[in-house]
Structure formats: C-alpha cells, structure tokens
Amino acid sequence: MEAQTTTWPRIERLKVRADFLRAARAARRATPSFLLQARRRRPDEAVSGIRVGFTCSRKVGNAVQRNRAKRRLREAARAVLPALGHPGWDYVLVGRAGTTASRPFDQLLSDLETALREVHRGGR
C-alpha cells in the first residue's frame, strides 16, 4: 500500500512595503490575538502560492516583546496556513499589544483558523 503524500502550497514571506499596504486595504478580521489582513492577488501578479507577512507596532512593546510576538505569529502561520490558506492570497498578521505574546498558543492557533475561515467565507 502506497503512502499518500499531501502537497501543501508554497508559502513565501512578504517583504516589500507596497505588498503590506495592498493587504492593509483588503479584507480584515480582528481576533483577540491579532488582526488578519488578507487579499486575493490579481491575475496579472506573477507570484503563485501563499504569501504571508508579520508586523507589530511599537504599541506592542519594546523590541524584545515585538520580536516574541512576531515569532509566535510566524509559528502559528507555519502550522495553519498550509491547510487553510488559499494559493494566490496574501496574508498579513498584525500583533496586538498585551495579547499576541501572552495568549496561550492553542488559542492563537484557533484564532488564526477562525479568521481564515471567515475571510474566505466572505468571498473577497
């Protein structure tokens, strides 16, 4: 019996400010842990797969707290996006002050799953 292999969509990082700004103008879903911004890329954009970016403002705290919050968001995205993210979409996870770094990780994962389902149910 042959083992089934699941091929997950390729996940790349958003690095260019213009990509973050385009995502900021698209669909948003607030969760207790973070804000999810998501947009479907235009057909003329050559990039395929899923792209994700992470950001935390200075309101989240000092550099240590911001980096911890972003590490947790990266790990949550690594766990959830391959299964629930849609190829051809850009996602930005924006950390929240006081909750992103301290919320239990299983709740952080649950928040991301819920936000992704809501964004894709909305049809944007």
N, C-alpha and C. Protein backbone atom coordinates (compact mmCIF):
# COMPACT_ATOMS: atom_id res chain seq x y z
N MET A 1 0.85 -1.18 0.00
CA MET A 1 0.00 0.00 0.00
C MET A 1 0.89 1.24 0.00
N GLU A 2 0.61 2.15 -0.90
CA GLU A 2 1.43 3.34 -1.06
C GLU A 2 0.97 4.46 -0.12
N ALA A 3 1.90 5.11 0.51
CA ALA A 3 1.56 6.21 1.41
C ALA A 3 1.17 7.44 0.59
N GLN A 4 0.10 8.09 1.03
CA GLN A 4 -0.35 9.29 0.35
C GLN A 4 0.45 10.48 0.84
N THR A 5 0.90 11.28 -0.10
CA THR A 5 1.62 12.49 0.28
C THR A 5 0.75 13.69 -0.07
N THR A 6 0.67 14.59 0.85
CA THR A 6 -0.08 15.82 0.62
C THR A 6 0.89 16.91 0.23
N THR A 7 0.62 17.54 -0.89
CA THR A 7 1.48 18.65 -1.30
C THR A 7 0.82 19.95 -0.85
N TRP A 8 1.48 20.65 0.03
CA TRP A 8 0.97 21.91 0.54
C TRP A 8 1.39 23.01 -0.42
N PRO A 9 0.59 24.08 -0.48
CA PRO A 9 1.01 25.21 -1.32
C PRO A 9 2.27 25.84 -0.77
N ARG A 10 3.04 26.41 -1.66
CA ARG A 10 4.28 27.07 -1.26
C ARG A 10 3.95 28.33 -0.48
N ILE A 11 4.67 28.56 0.62
CA ILE A 11 4.45 29.76 1.44
C ILE A 11 5.70 30.62 1.37
N GLU A 12 5.51 31.87 0.97
CA GLU A 12 6.61 32.82 0.89
C GLU A 12 6.34 33.97 1.84
N ARG A 13 7.37 34.75 2.13
CA ARG A 13 7.25 35.90 3.02
C ARG A 13 7.01 37.17 2.23
N LEU A 14 6.15 38.03 2.74
CA LEU A 14 6.01 39.38 2.20
C LEU A 14 7.16 40.20 2.73
N LYS A 15 7.83 40.93 1.86
CA LYS A 15 8.97 41.73 2.30
C LYS A 15 8.90 43.17 1.83
N VAL A 16 8.12 43.44 0.80
CA VAL A 16 8.06 44.77 0.20
C VAL A 16 6.91 45.56 0.83
N ARG A 17 7.18 46.78 1.21
CA ARG A 17 6.19 47.62 1.88
C ARG A 17 4.91 47.75 1.07
N ALA A 18 5.02 47.86 -0.24
CA ALA A 18 3.84 48.01 -1.10
C ALA A 18 2.90 46.81 -0.95
N ASP A 19 3.44 45.62 -0.77
CA ASP A 19 2.60 44.43 -0.57
C ASP A 19 1.84 44.51 0.75
N PHE A 20 2.50 45.00 1.79
CA PHE A 20 1.83 45.19 3.08
C PHE A 20 0.71 46.22 2.96
N LEU A 21 0.96 47.30 2.21
CA LEU A 21 -0.05 48.34 2.05
C LEU A 21 -1.25 47.85 1.26
N ARG A 22 -1.01 47.03 0.22
CA ARG A 22 -2.12 46.46 -0.54
C ARG A 22 -2.97 45.55 0.35
N ALA A 23 -2.32 44.77 1.19
CA ALA A 23 -3.06 43.88 2.10
C ALA A 23 -3.85 44.69 3.13
N ALA A 24 -3.32 45.84 3.53
CA ALA A 24 -4.00 46.67 4.53
C ALA A 24 -5.30 47.26 3.98
N ARG A 25 -5.40 47.39 2.66
CA ARG A 25 -6.61 47.93 2.06
C ARG A 25 -7.65 46.85 1.77
N ALA A 26 -7.35 45.60 2.04
CA ALA A 26 -8.23 44.49 1.70
C ALA A 26 -9.02 44.03 2.93
N ALA A 27 -9.45 42.78 2.90
CA ALA A 27 -10.28 42.21 3.98
C ALA A 27 -9.52 42.18 5.29
N ARG A 28 -10.25 42.41 6.38
CA ARG A 28 -9.66 42.37 7.72
C ARG A 28 -10.54 41.55 8.64
N ARG A 29 -9.89 40.83 9.53
CA ARG A 29 -10.61 40.10 10.57
C ARG A 29 -9.83 40.29 11.86
N ALA A 30 -10.51 40.85 12.85
CA ALA A 30 -9.89 41.06 14.15
C ALA A 30 -10.15 39.84 15.03
N THR A 31 -9.14 39.43 15.75
CA THR A 31 -9.27 38.35 16.72
C THR A 31 -8.71 38.87 18.04
N PRO A 32 -8.93 38.16 19.13
CA PRO A 32 -8.35 38.61 20.39
C PRO A 32 -6.82 38.63 20.35
N SER A 33 -6.21 37.83 19.49
CA SER A 33 -4.76 37.70 19.46
C SER A 33 -4.07 38.64 18.49
N PHE A 34 -4.70 38.93 17.37
CA PHE A 34 -4.05 39.69 16.29
C PHE A 34 -5.11 40.16 15.31
N LEU A 35 -4.66 40.93 14.34
CA LEU A 35 -5.51 41.37 13.23
C LEU A 35 -5.00 40.66 11.99
N LEU A 36 -5.91 40.05 11.23
CA LEU A 36 -5.55 39.39 9.99
C LEU A 36 -6.00 40.28 8.83
N GLN A 37 -5.08 40.58 7.94
CA GLN A 37 -5.40 41.30 6.70
C GLN A 37 -5.14 40.32 5.57
N ALA A 38 -6.10 40.21 4.65
CA ALA A 38 -5.95 39.22 3.59
C ALA A 38 -6.46 39.80 2.28
N ARG A 39 -5.75 39.46 1.20
CA ARG A 39 -6.21 39.90 -0.12
C ARG A 39 -5.88 38.84 -1.15
N ARG A 40 -6.78 38.74 -2.11
CA ARG A 40 -6.52 37.86 -3.25
C ARG A 40 -5.71 38.67 -4.25
N ARG A 41 -4.60 38.08 -4.73
CA ARG A 41 -3.77 38.79 -5.70
C ARG A 41 -4.46 38.82 -7.06
N ARG A 42 -4.15 39.85 -7.83
CA ARG A 42 -4.69 39.98 -9.18
C ARG A 42 -4.07 38.92 -10.08
N PRO A 43 -4.77 38.53 -11.14
CA PRO A 43 -4.23 37.51 -12.04
C PRO A 43 -2.93 37.94 -12.73
N ASP A 44 -2.73 39.24 -12.89
CA ASP A 44 -1.52 39.69 -13.58
C ASP A 44 -0.27 39.68 -12.68
N GLU A 45 -0.46 39.42 -11.38
CA GLU A 45 0.68 39.31 -10.49
C GLU A 45 1.26 37.90 -10.64
N ALA A 46 2.53 37.82 -10.97
CA ALA A 46 3.15 36.55 -11.36
C ALA A 46 3.38 35.58 -10.21
N VAL A 47 3.29 36.03 -8.97
CA VAL A 47 3.62 35.18 -7.83
C VAL A 47 2.49 34.18 -7.59
N SER A 48 2.85 32.91 -7.42
CA SER A 48 1.86 31.90 -7.08
C SER A 48 2.08 31.48 -5.64
N GLY A 49 1.20 30.68 -5.13
CA GLY A 49 1.33 30.20 -3.77
C GLY A 49 0.77 31.20 -2.77
N ILE A 50 1.09 30.97 -1.52
CA ILE A 50 0.62 31.80 -0.41
C ILE A 50 1.77 32.69 0.03
N ARG A 51 1.46 33.97 0.28
CA ARG A 51 2.47 34.87 0.84
C ARG A 51 1.96 35.39 2.17
N VAL A 52 2.85 35.51 3.14
CA VAL A 52 2.45 35.96 4.46
C VAL A 52 3.49 36.93 5.00
N GLY A 53 3.00 37.93 5.72
CA GLY A 53 3.87 38.92 6.36
C GLY A 53 3.44 39.11 7.81
N PHE A 54 4.34 39.63 8.61
CA PHE A 54 4.09 39.81 10.04
C PHE A 54 4.55 41.20 10.44
N THR A 55 3.78 41.85 11.29
CA THR A 55 4.18 43.16 11.76
C THR A 55 3.64 43.40 13.16
N CYS A 56 4.38 44.18 13.92
CA CYS A 56 3.97 44.59 15.26
C CYS A 56 4.42 46.04 15.43
N SER A 57 3.52 46.89 15.83
CA SER A 57 3.89 48.29 16.04
C SER A 57 4.57 48.44 17.40
N ARG A 58 5.04 49.62 17.66
CA ARG A 58 5.70 49.89 18.94
C ARG A 58 4.72 49.84 20.10
N LYS A 59 3.43 49.87 19.82
CA LYS A 59 2.43 49.74 20.87
C LYS A 59 2.49 48.37 21.54
N VAL A 60 2.99 47.38 20.80
CA VAL A 60 3.10 46.02 21.35
C VAL A 60 4.12 45.98 22.47
N GLY A 61 5.13 46.83 22.39
CA GLY A 61 6.13 46.89 23.46
C GLY A 61 7.51 47.16 22.88
N ASN A 62 8.51 46.86 23.69
CA ASN A 62 9.88 47.10 23.25
C ASN A 62 10.27 46.04 22.21
N ALA A 63 11.50 46.10 21.72
CA ALA A 63 11.93 45.20 20.65
C ALA A 63 11.82 43.73 21.05
N VAL A 64 12.12 43.42 22.28
CA VAL A 64 12.05 42.04 22.75
C VAL A 64 10.61 41.53 22.67
N GLN A 65 9.66 42.33 23.14
CA GLN A 65 8.26 41.93 23.12
C GLN A 65 7.73 41.84 21.69
N ARG A 66 8.11 42.78 20.83
CA ARG A 66 7.66 42.73 19.43
C ARG A 66 8.20 41.49 18.73
N ASN A 67 9.48 41.18 18.95
CA ASN A 67 10.07 40.01 18.31
C ASN A 67 9.43 38.72 18.82
N ARG A 68 9.12 38.66 20.09
CA ARG A 68 8.46 37.47 20.63
C ARG A 68 7.08 37.30 20.01
N ALA A 69 6.35 38.41 19.89
CA ALA A 69 5.01 38.35 19.29
C ALA A 69 5.11 37.89 17.83
N LYS A 70 6.08 38.41 17.08
CA LYS A 70 6.23 38.01 15.68
C LYS A 70 6.66 36.55 15.56
N ARG A 71 7.51 36.08 16.46
CA ARG A 71 7.90 34.66 16.43
C ARG A 71 6.70 33.76 16.63
N ARG A 72 5.83 34.14 17.55
CA ARG A 72 4.62 33.34 17.80
C ARG A 72 3.68 33.38 16.60
N LEU A 73 3.55 34.55 15.97
CA LEU A 73 2.70 34.64 14.77
C LEU A 73 3.28 33.80 13.63
N ARG A 74 4.60 33.83 13.46
CA ARG A 74 5.23 33.03 12.41
C ARG A 74 4.98 31.54 12.63
N GLU A 75 5.10 31.11 13.86
CA GLU A 75 4.89 29.69 14.15
C GLU A 75 3.43 29.29 13.94
N ALA A 76 2.50 30.16 14.33
CA ALA A 76 1.08 29.88 14.10
C ALA A 76 0.79 29.80 12.60
N ALA A 77 1.34 30.72 11.84
CA ALA A 77 1.13 30.71 10.39
C ALA A 77 1.73 29.46 9.77
N ARG A 78 2.90 29.05 10.24
CA ARG A 78 3.55 27.84 9.72
C ARG A 78 2.68 26.61 9.98
N ALA A 79 1.95 26.61 11.08
CA ALA A 79 1.12 25.46 11.43
C ALA A 79 -0.23 25.45 10.72
N VAL A 80 -0.80 26.63 10.46
CA VAL A 80 -2.18 26.70 9.98
C VAL A 80 -2.30 27.00 8.49
N LEU A 81 -1.48 27.89 7.97
CA LEU A 81 -1.64 28.33 6.58
C LEU A 81 -1.54 27.22 5.53
N PRO A 82 -0.67 26.24 5.68
CA PRO A 82 -0.64 25.20 4.64
C PRO A 82 -1.99 24.51 4.45
N ALA A 83 -2.75 24.35 5.52
CA ALA A 83 -4.02 23.65 5.43
C ALA A 83 -5.18 24.57 5.08
N LEU A 84 -5.20 25.80 5.61
CA LEU A 84 -6.36 26.67 5.45
C LEU A 84 -6.12 27.88 4.55
N GLY A 85 -4.87 28.18 4.24
CA GLY A 85 -4.58 29.30 3.35
C GLY A 85 -4.88 28.93 1.91
N HIS A 86 -5.20 29.93 1.11
CA HIS A 86 -5.52 29.71 -0.30
C HIS A 86 -4.38 30.22 -1.18
N PRO A 87 -3.93 29.41 -2.12
CA PRO A 87 -2.92 29.90 -3.07
C PRO A 87 -3.44 31.13 -3.81
N GLY A 88 -2.56 32.08 -4.08
CA GLY A 88 -2.96 33.31 -4.74
C GLY A 88 -3.42 34.40 -3.79
N TRP A 89 -3.24 34.17 -2.50
CA TRP A 89 -3.63 35.15 -1.49
C TRP A 89 -2.41 35.63 -0.73
N ASP A 90 -2.51 36.89 -0.25
CA ASP A 90 -1.52 37.48 0.65
C ASP A 90 -2.17 37.64 2.02
N TYR A 91 -1.45 37.30 3.07
CA TYR A 91 -1.93 37.46 4.44
C TYR A 91 -0.92 38.26 5.23
N VAL A 92 -1.43 39.17 6.07
CA VAL A 92 -0.58 39.91 6.99
C VAL A 92 -1.18 39.73 8.38
N LEU A 93 -0.35 39.30 9.31
CA LEU A 93 -0.77 39.15 10.70
C LEU A 93 -0.15 40.30 11.50
N VAL A 94 -1.01 41.08 12.12
CA VAL A 94 -0.59 42.26 12.87
C VAL A 94 -0.76 41.96 14.35
N GLY A 95 0.34 42.02 15.09
CA GLY A 95 0.31 41.72 16.52
C GLY A 95 -0.44 42.77 17.31
N ARG A 96 -1.02 42.34 18.41
CA ARG A 96 -1.76 43.24 19.30
C ARG A 96 -1.02 43.39 20.62
N ALA A 97 -1.11 44.59 21.17
CA ALA A 97 -0.45 44.88 22.44
C ALA A 97 -1.04 44.02 23.55
N GLY A 98 -0.17 43.39 24.31
CA GLY A 98 -0.60 42.67 25.51
C GLY A 98 -1.16 41.28 25.28
N THR A 99 -1.62 40.94 24.06
CA THR A 99 -2.24 39.63 23.90
C THR A 99 -1.48 38.68 22.98
N THR A 100 -0.86 39.19 21.93
CA THR A 100 -0.19 38.30 20.99
C THR A 100 0.91 37.49 21.67
N ALA A 101 1.68 38.13 22.50
CA ALA A 101 2.80 37.45 23.14
C ALA A 101 2.38 36.61 24.35
N SER A 102 1.21 36.90 24.92
CA SER A 102 0.85 36.21 26.16
C SER A 102 -0.31 35.23 26.00
N ARG A 103 -1.04 35.27 24.93
CA ARG A 103 -2.19 34.37 24.75
C ARG A 103 -1.68 32.93 24.60
N PRO A 104 -2.37 31.97 25.21
CA PRO A 104 -1.97 30.57 25.05
C PRO A 104 -1.90 30.20 23.57
N PHE A 105 -0.89 29.41 23.20
CA PHE A 105 -0.61 29.13 21.80
C PHE A 105 -1.76 28.39 21.12
N ASP A 106 -2.44 27.49 21.82
CA ASP A 106 -3.56 26.78 21.19
C ASP A 106 -4.69 27.75 20.85
N GLN A 107 -4.89 28.78 21.67
CA GLN A 107 -5.90 29.79 21.35
C GLN A 107 -5.46 30.67 20.20
N LEU A 108 -4.17 30.94 20.11
CA LEU A 108 -3.62 31.70 18.98
C LEU A 108 -3.88 30.94 17.67
N LEU A 109 -3.64 29.64 17.68
CA LEU A 109 -3.91 28.82 16.50
C LEU A 109 -5.40 28.82 16.16
N SER A 110 -6.23 28.68 17.16
CA SER A 110 -7.68 28.69 16.95
C SER A 110 -8.14 30.03 16.38
N ASP A 111 -7.58 31.13 16.87
CA ASP A 111 -7.93 32.45 16.35
C ASP A 111 -7.57 32.57 14.87
N LEU A 112 -6.41 32.05 14.49
CA LEU A 112 -5.99 32.12 13.09
C LEU A 112 -6.88 31.26 12.21
N GLU A 113 -7.22 30.07 12.67
CA GLU A 113 -8.12 29.21 11.89
C GLU A 113 -9.47 29.88 11.68
N THR A 114 -10.02 30.45 12.74
CA THR A 114 -11.32 31.13 12.64
C THR A 114 -11.26 32.32 11.70
N ALA A 115 -10.22 33.12 11.82
CA ALA A 115 -10.08 34.31 10.98
C ALA A 115 -9.95 33.91 9.50
N LEU A 116 -9.17 32.89 9.20
CA LEU A 116 -9.02 32.45 7.82
C LEU A 116 -10.33 31.94 7.25
N ARG A 117 -11.07 31.17 8.03
CA ARG A 117 -12.37 30.68 7.55
C ARG A 117 -13.32 31.83 7.27
N GLU A 118 -13.34 32.83 8.15
CA GLU A 118 -14.22 33.98 7.95
C GLU A 118 -13.82 34.79 6.71
N VAL A 119 -12.54 35.00 6.51
CA VAL A 119 -12.07 35.76 5.35
C VAL A 119 -12.47 35.06 4.07
N HIS A 120 -12.29 33.74 4.02
CA HIS A 120 -12.57 33.02 2.78
C HIS A 120 -14.06 32.78 2.60
N ARG A 121 -14.82 32.78 3.65
CA ARG A 121 -16.27 32.66 3.54
C ARG A 121 -16.86 33.94 2.95
N GLY A 122 -16.20 35.08 3.25
CA GLY A 122 -16.68 36.38 2.77
C GLY A 122 -16.54 36.55 1.27
N GLY A 123 -15.73 35.72 0.63
CA GLY A 123 -15.62 35.76 -0.82
C GLY A 123 -14.76 36.88 -1.38
N ARG A 124 -13.98 37.54 -0.54
CA ARG A 124 -13.13 38.63 -1.05
C ARG A 124 -11.83 38.10 -1.54
